[in-house]
N, C-alpha and C. Protein backbone atom coordinates (compact mmCIF):
# COMPACT_ATOMS: atom_id res chain seq x y z
N MET A 1 136.45 112.08 125.33
CA MET A 1 137.23 111.03 124.70
C MET A 1 136.39 109.77 124.60
N ASN A 2 136.46 109.12 123.49
CA ASN A 2 135.67 107.92 123.25
C ASN A 2 136.53 106.69 123.51
N ILE A 3 136.39 106.09 124.66
CA ILE A 3 137.22 104.93 125.00
C ILE A 3 136.66 103.64 124.43
N TYR A 4 135.44 103.67 123.86
CA TYR A 4 134.83 102.46 123.36
C TYR A 4 134.99 102.27 121.86
N LYS A 5 135.48 103.26 121.16
CA LYS A 5 135.54 103.20 119.70
C LYS A 5 136.38 102.02 119.22
N ASP A 6 135.86 101.35 118.20
CA ASP A 6 136.56 100.26 117.52
C ASP A 6 136.89 99.07 118.42
N ASN A 7 136.14 98.92 119.49
CA ASN A 7 136.38 97.80 120.39
C ASN A 7 135.45 96.64 120.09
N ASP A 8 135.93 95.45 120.37
CA ASP A 8 135.09 94.27 120.41
C ASP A 8 134.63 94.14 121.86
N PHE A 9 133.37 93.78 122.07
CA PHE A 9 132.85 93.69 123.41
C PHE A 9 132.45 92.26 123.75
N SER A 10 132.84 91.81 124.93
CA SER A 10 132.35 90.53 125.43
C SER A 10 130.96 90.76 126.02
N HIS A 11 130.22 89.68 126.24
CA HIS A 11 128.89 89.81 126.84
C HIS A 11 128.98 90.52 128.19
N LYS A 12 129.97 90.16 129.00
CA LYS A 12 130.15 90.76 130.32
C LYS A 12 130.41 92.26 130.20
N GLU A 13 131.25 92.66 129.25
CA GLU A 13 131.55 94.08 129.07
C GLU A 13 130.32 94.87 128.63
N ILE A 14 129.48 94.25 127.80
CA ILE A 14 128.25 94.92 127.37
C ILE A 14 127.34 95.16 128.57
N ILE A 15 127.19 94.16 129.43
CA ILE A 15 126.35 94.30 130.62
C ILE A 15 126.88 95.41 131.52
N ILE A 16 128.18 95.44 131.74
CA ILE A 16 128.79 96.48 132.57
C ILE A 16 128.53 97.85 131.97
N LEU A 17 128.71 97.97 130.67
CA LEU A 17 128.50 99.25 129.99
C LEU A 17 127.04 99.70 130.11
N LEU A 18 126.10 98.79 129.90
CA LEU A 18 124.68 99.14 129.99
C LEU A 18 124.29 99.54 131.41
N ASN A 19 124.93 98.95 132.40
CA ASN A 19 124.61 99.25 133.79
C ASN A 19 125.42 100.41 134.36
N SER A 20 126.29 100.99 133.55
CA SER A 20 127.17 102.06 134.03
C SER A 20 126.43 103.36 134.30
N GLY A 21 125.25 103.51 133.70
CA GLY A 21 124.50 104.76 133.87
C GLY A 21 124.92 105.85 132.90
N ARG A 22 125.96 105.62 132.14
CA ARG A 22 126.41 106.62 131.16
C ARG A 22 125.39 106.70 130.04
N ARG A 23 124.92 107.89 129.78
CA ARG A 23 123.98 108.11 128.69
C ARG A 23 124.27 109.46 128.07
N PRO A 24 124.15 109.59 126.78
CA PRO A 24 123.95 108.48 125.85
C PRO A 24 125.24 107.69 125.66
N LEU A 25 125.08 106.44 125.31
CA LEU A 25 126.24 105.58 125.08
C LEU A 25 126.90 105.93 123.75
N TRP A 26 128.20 105.87 123.70
CA TRP A 26 128.98 106.16 122.51
C TRP A 26 129.61 104.85 122.05
N LEU A 27 129.00 104.24 121.04
CA LEU A 27 129.47 102.94 120.54
C LEU A 27 129.77 103.02 119.05
N ARG A 28 130.19 104.18 118.60
CA ARG A 28 130.49 104.39 117.19
C ARG A 28 131.57 103.41 116.73
N SER A 29 131.30 102.70 115.64
CA SER A 29 132.22 101.74 115.03
C SER A 29 132.52 100.52 115.90
N ALA A 30 131.75 100.32 116.95
CA ALA A 30 131.99 99.18 117.84
C ALA A 30 131.59 97.87 117.17
N ASN A 31 132.29 96.81 117.51
CA ASN A 31 131.93 95.48 117.03
C ASN A 31 131.03 94.83 118.07
N LEU A 32 129.73 94.81 117.77
CA LEU A 32 128.73 94.23 118.65
C LEU A 32 128.06 93.04 117.98
N GLU A 33 128.80 92.37 117.12
CA GLU A 33 128.25 91.23 116.40
C GLU A 33 127.76 90.17 117.39
N GLY A 34 126.49 89.77 117.21
CA GLY A 34 125.91 88.74 118.06
C GLY A 34 125.60 89.19 119.48
N ALA A 35 125.67 90.49 119.74
CA ALA A 35 125.43 90.99 121.10
C ALA A 35 124.00 90.72 121.56
N LEU A 36 123.84 90.42 122.83
CA LEU A 36 122.53 90.21 123.44
C LEU A 36 122.11 91.51 124.11
N LEU A 37 121.28 92.28 123.41
CA LEU A 37 120.86 93.59 123.89
C LEU A 37 119.34 93.65 124.02
N VAL A 38 118.73 92.53 124.40
CA VAL A 38 117.28 92.45 124.58
C VAL A 38 116.86 93.41 125.69
N LYS A 39 115.87 94.25 125.41
CA LYS A 39 115.31 95.23 126.35
C LYS A 39 116.34 96.27 126.81
N ALA A 40 117.41 96.45 126.06
CA ALA A 40 118.47 97.39 126.46
C ALA A 40 118.01 98.84 126.32
N ASP A 41 118.47 99.69 127.23
CA ASP A 41 118.22 101.13 127.16
C ASP A 41 119.33 101.75 126.32
N LEU A 42 119.02 102.01 125.06
CA LEU A 42 119.99 102.58 124.13
C LEU A 42 119.48 103.92 123.60
N ILE A 43 118.71 104.61 124.42
CA ILE A 43 118.14 105.90 124.03
C ILE A 43 119.26 106.87 123.68
N GLY A 44 119.19 107.42 122.46
CA GLY A 44 120.16 108.43 122.03
C GLY A 44 121.57 107.92 121.80
N ALA A 45 121.77 106.62 121.83
CA ALA A 45 123.12 106.05 121.67
C ALA A 45 123.68 106.34 120.28
N ASP A 46 124.98 106.58 120.22
CA ASP A 46 125.66 106.71 118.93
C ASP A 46 126.23 105.34 118.59
N MET A 47 125.53 104.65 117.70
CA MET A 47 125.95 103.33 117.25
C MET A 47 126.23 103.37 115.76
N SER A 48 126.54 104.56 115.26
CA SER A 48 126.82 104.70 113.84
C SER A 48 128.04 103.87 113.47
N ARG A 49 127.95 103.25 112.32
CA ARG A 49 129.02 102.40 111.78
C ARG A 49 129.32 101.16 112.64
N ALA A 50 128.45 100.86 113.59
CA ALA A 50 128.66 99.68 114.44
C ALA A 50 128.33 98.41 113.68
N ASN A 51 129.01 97.34 114.03
CA ASN A 51 128.69 96.02 113.49
C ASN A 51 127.71 95.36 114.46
N LEU A 52 126.44 95.29 114.05
CA LEU A 52 125.39 94.67 114.86
C LEU A 52 124.85 93.42 114.17
N ARG A 53 125.67 92.82 113.34
CA ARG A 53 125.26 91.61 112.63
C ARG A 53 124.87 90.54 113.66
N ASN A 54 123.70 89.92 113.44
CA ASN A 54 123.18 88.86 114.31
C ASN A 54 122.92 89.31 115.75
N ALA A 55 122.84 90.60 115.99
CA ALA A 55 122.57 91.10 117.35
C ALA A 55 121.11 90.89 117.72
N GLU A 56 120.87 90.65 119.00
CA GLU A 56 119.53 90.49 119.55
C GLU A 56 119.14 91.81 120.22
N LEU A 57 118.31 92.59 119.53
CA LEU A 57 117.89 93.90 120.03
C LEU A 57 116.37 93.95 120.23
N SER A 58 115.75 92.80 120.40
CA SER A 58 114.29 92.80 120.56
C SER A 58 113.91 93.56 121.83
N GLN A 59 112.87 94.37 121.72
CA GLN A 59 112.34 95.19 122.80
C GLN A 59 113.32 96.24 123.31
N ALA A 60 114.41 96.48 122.60
CA ALA A 60 115.37 97.51 123.01
C ALA A 60 114.78 98.89 122.73
N ASP A 61 115.15 99.86 123.53
CA ASP A 61 114.72 101.24 123.30
C ASP A 61 115.85 101.97 122.58
N LEU A 62 115.67 102.14 121.28
CA LEU A 62 116.65 102.81 120.42
C LEU A 62 116.13 104.17 119.98
N SER A 63 115.21 104.74 120.74
CA SER A 63 114.65 106.03 120.35
C SER A 63 115.74 107.09 120.32
N GLY A 64 115.78 107.83 119.22
CA GLY A 64 116.77 108.88 119.05
C GLY A 64 118.19 108.39 118.82
N ALA A 65 118.38 107.09 118.68
CA ALA A 65 119.73 106.54 118.47
C ALA A 65 120.21 106.79 117.05
N ASP A 66 121.52 106.93 116.90
CA ASP A 66 122.14 107.08 115.58
C ASP A 66 122.73 105.74 115.17
N LEU A 67 122.07 105.10 114.21
CA LEU A 67 122.52 103.82 113.68
C LEU A 67 122.98 103.96 112.24
N SER A 68 123.24 105.18 111.81
CA SER A 68 123.62 105.39 110.41
C SER A 68 124.86 104.58 110.05
N TYR A 69 124.82 103.97 108.89
CA TYR A 69 125.91 103.15 108.34
C TYR A 69 126.19 101.89 109.17
N ALA A 70 125.32 101.54 110.10
CA ALA A 70 125.52 100.32 110.88
C ALA A 70 125.18 99.09 110.05
N VAL A 71 125.78 97.97 110.41
CA VAL A 71 125.47 96.70 109.76
C VAL A 71 124.49 95.97 110.67
N LEU A 72 123.26 95.80 110.18
CA LEU A 72 122.20 95.15 110.94
C LEU A 72 121.77 93.83 110.29
N THR A 73 122.63 93.25 109.50
CA THR A 73 122.31 92.00 108.83
C THR A 73 121.91 90.93 109.84
N ASN A 74 120.73 90.33 109.62
CA ASN A 74 120.20 89.27 110.48
C ASN A 74 119.96 89.70 111.93
N ALA A 75 119.91 91.00 112.19
CA ALA A 75 119.64 91.47 113.56
C ALA A 75 118.16 91.34 113.89
N ASP A 76 117.88 91.10 115.16
CA ASP A 76 116.50 91.00 115.65
C ASP A 76 116.15 92.30 116.36
N LEU A 77 115.32 93.12 115.71
CA LEU A 77 114.82 94.35 116.30
C LEU A 77 113.31 94.27 116.54
N SER A 78 112.80 93.06 116.68
CA SER A 78 111.37 92.90 116.90
C SER A 78 110.95 93.60 118.20
N LYS A 79 109.84 94.29 118.13
CA LYS A 79 109.26 95.03 119.26
C LYS A 79 110.18 96.12 119.80
N ALA A 80 111.20 96.52 119.05
CA ALA A 80 112.09 97.60 119.48
C ALA A 80 111.40 98.94 119.30
N ASN A 81 111.83 99.93 120.08
CA ASN A 81 111.35 101.30 119.92
C ASN A 81 112.37 102.03 119.05
N LEU A 82 111.98 102.35 117.82
CA LEU A 82 112.86 103.03 116.87
C LEU A 82 112.40 104.46 116.61
N SER A 83 111.65 105.03 117.54
CA SER A 83 111.14 106.39 117.38
C SER A 83 112.28 107.38 117.22
N GLY A 84 112.28 108.09 116.11
CA GLY A 84 113.29 109.12 115.87
C GLY A 84 114.70 108.61 115.64
N ALA A 85 114.87 107.32 115.45
CA ALA A 85 116.21 106.76 115.21
C ALA A 85 116.68 107.11 113.80
N ASN A 86 117.99 107.28 113.66
CA ASN A 86 118.60 107.53 112.35
C ASN A 86 119.19 106.22 111.86
N MET A 87 118.57 105.66 110.82
CA MET A 87 119.02 104.40 110.27
C MET A 87 119.44 104.55 108.81
N LEU A 88 119.79 105.77 108.44
CA LEU A 88 120.21 106.02 107.06
C LEU A 88 121.44 105.19 106.72
N HIS A 89 121.45 104.65 105.53
CA HIS A 89 122.59 103.91 104.97
C HIS A 89 122.93 102.62 105.73
N CYS A 90 121.99 102.10 106.52
CA CYS A 90 122.22 100.82 107.22
C CYS A 90 122.12 99.66 106.25
N ASP A 91 122.87 98.61 106.55
CA ASP A 91 122.68 97.34 105.86
C ASP A 91 121.63 96.59 106.66
N MET A 92 120.42 96.49 106.11
CA MET A 92 119.30 95.89 106.82
C MET A 92 118.88 94.56 106.20
N SER A 93 119.83 93.85 105.64
CA SER A 93 119.55 92.55 105.03
C SER A 93 119.02 91.57 106.08
N ASN A 94 117.85 91.01 105.82
CA ASN A 94 117.23 90.01 106.70
C ASN A 94 116.99 90.50 108.12
N VAL A 95 116.84 91.80 108.32
CA VAL A 95 116.56 92.33 109.65
C VAL A 95 115.12 91.98 110.04
N ASP A 96 114.92 91.68 111.32
CA ASP A 96 113.58 91.37 111.84
C ASP A 96 113.04 92.60 112.55
N LEU A 97 112.02 93.23 111.95
CA LEU A 97 111.39 94.41 112.54
C LEU A 97 109.95 94.12 112.98
N ALA A 98 109.62 92.87 113.21
CA ALA A 98 108.25 92.51 113.58
C ALA A 98 107.79 93.29 114.81
N ASN A 99 106.73 94.06 114.64
CA ASN A 99 106.12 94.84 115.72
C ASN A 99 107.05 95.90 116.32
N ALA A 100 108.12 96.25 115.62
CA ALA A 100 108.95 97.38 116.06
C ALA A 100 108.16 98.66 115.81
N LYS A 101 108.29 99.63 116.71
CA LYS A 101 107.56 100.88 116.58
C LYS A 101 108.51 101.97 116.07
N TYR A 102 107.99 102.78 115.14
CA TYR A 102 108.77 103.92 114.64
C TYR A 102 107.84 105.11 114.47
N THR A 103 108.42 106.28 114.31
CA THR A 103 107.66 107.51 114.12
C THR A 103 108.01 108.14 112.78
N VAL A 104 107.29 109.18 112.43
CA VAL A 104 107.53 109.83 111.14
C VAL A 104 108.93 110.42 111.05
N ASP A 105 109.56 110.69 112.18
CA ASP A 105 110.92 111.25 112.13
C ASP A 105 112.02 110.19 112.18
N THR A 106 111.65 108.92 112.19
CA THR A 106 112.64 107.85 112.05
C THR A 106 113.17 107.89 110.62
N ARG A 107 114.48 107.84 110.47
CA ARG A 107 115.10 107.93 109.15
C ARG A 107 115.58 106.55 108.72
N TRP A 108 115.12 106.14 107.54
CA TRP A 108 115.41 104.80 107.01
C TRP A 108 116.33 104.88 105.80
N PRO A 109 116.97 103.76 105.45
CA PRO A 109 117.76 103.73 104.21
C PRO A 109 116.86 104.04 103.00
N LYS A 110 117.47 104.60 101.99
CA LYS A 110 116.74 104.94 100.77
C LYS A 110 116.01 103.71 100.23
N ASP A 111 114.75 103.91 99.85
CA ASP A 111 113.89 102.88 99.26
C ASP A 111 113.59 101.72 100.21
N PHE A 112 113.80 101.90 101.50
CA PHE A 112 113.48 100.85 102.48
C PHE A 112 112.09 101.12 103.03
N ASN A 113 111.22 100.12 102.99
CA ASN A 113 109.87 100.24 103.52
C ASN A 113 109.77 99.44 104.81
N PRO A 114 109.79 100.10 105.97
CA PRO A 114 109.79 99.38 107.24
C PRO A 114 108.54 98.53 107.46
N GLU A 115 107.41 98.96 106.92
CA GLU A 115 106.17 98.20 107.11
C GLU A 115 106.22 96.85 106.41
N LEU A 116 106.96 96.76 105.31
CA LEU A 116 107.12 95.48 104.63
C LEU A 116 107.94 94.49 105.46
N HIS A 117 108.65 95.01 106.45
CA HIS A 117 109.47 94.18 107.34
C HIS A 117 108.82 94.01 108.71
N GLY A 118 107.56 94.46 108.82
CA GLY A 118 106.80 94.24 110.05
C GLY A 118 106.76 95.38 111.04
N ALA A 119 107.43 96.50 110.75
CA ALA A 119 107.43 97.64 111.67
C ALA A 119 106.08 98.36 111.63
N ILE A 120 105.76 99.03 112.72
CA ILE A 120 104.48 99.70 112.86
C ILE A 120 104.71 101.19 113.13
N LEU A 121 104.06 102.02 112.32
CA LEU A 121 104.16 103.47 112.51
C LEU A 121 103.36 103.86 113.75
N ARG A 122 104.04 104.49 114.69
CA ARG A 122 103.41 104.94 115.93
C ARG A 122 102.81 106.32 115.70
N ASN A 123 101.56 106.47 116.10
CA ASN A 123 100.90 107.77 116.01
C ASN A 123 101.33 108.58 117.22
N THR A 124 102.11 109.63 117.00
CA THR A 124 102.63 110.42 118.11
C THR A 124 101.64 111.46 118.60
N HIS A 125 100.60 111.70 117.82
CA HIS A 125 99.59 112.69 118.20
C HIS A 125 98.20 112.07 118.11
N PRO A 126 97.82 111.25 119.09
CA PRO A 126 96.50 110.61 119.02
C PRO A 126 95.38 111.64 119.07
N HIS A 127 94.31 111.35 118.34
CA HIS A 127 93.17 112.28 118.31
C HIS A 127 92.04 111.72 119.11
């Protein structure tokens, strides 16, 4: 059962949730507008359809996370780990991806070029 669906979260509730040890987090359709998620462990989280407008996600680990259809308008994802994240159909207007790392299996919105927004392709198989 998803007890977090369609909820608005206060800063305190977000901290409690992140410290709960529950993984992966299920935040589908959650309202996380303006959330402070700097350095957050969001590995494999389901954040599809979440409102992350103006959220601070710098240095967050979003590897394997599902962010499909999420609103990331004005979100800060600088230095975030986006390896293998699903970002299909996201609203990425004015998103900050400076020095964010992604891999070839990261899925982006159609016609979106992450490198033009500052993201860096991580070589998963160094030679």
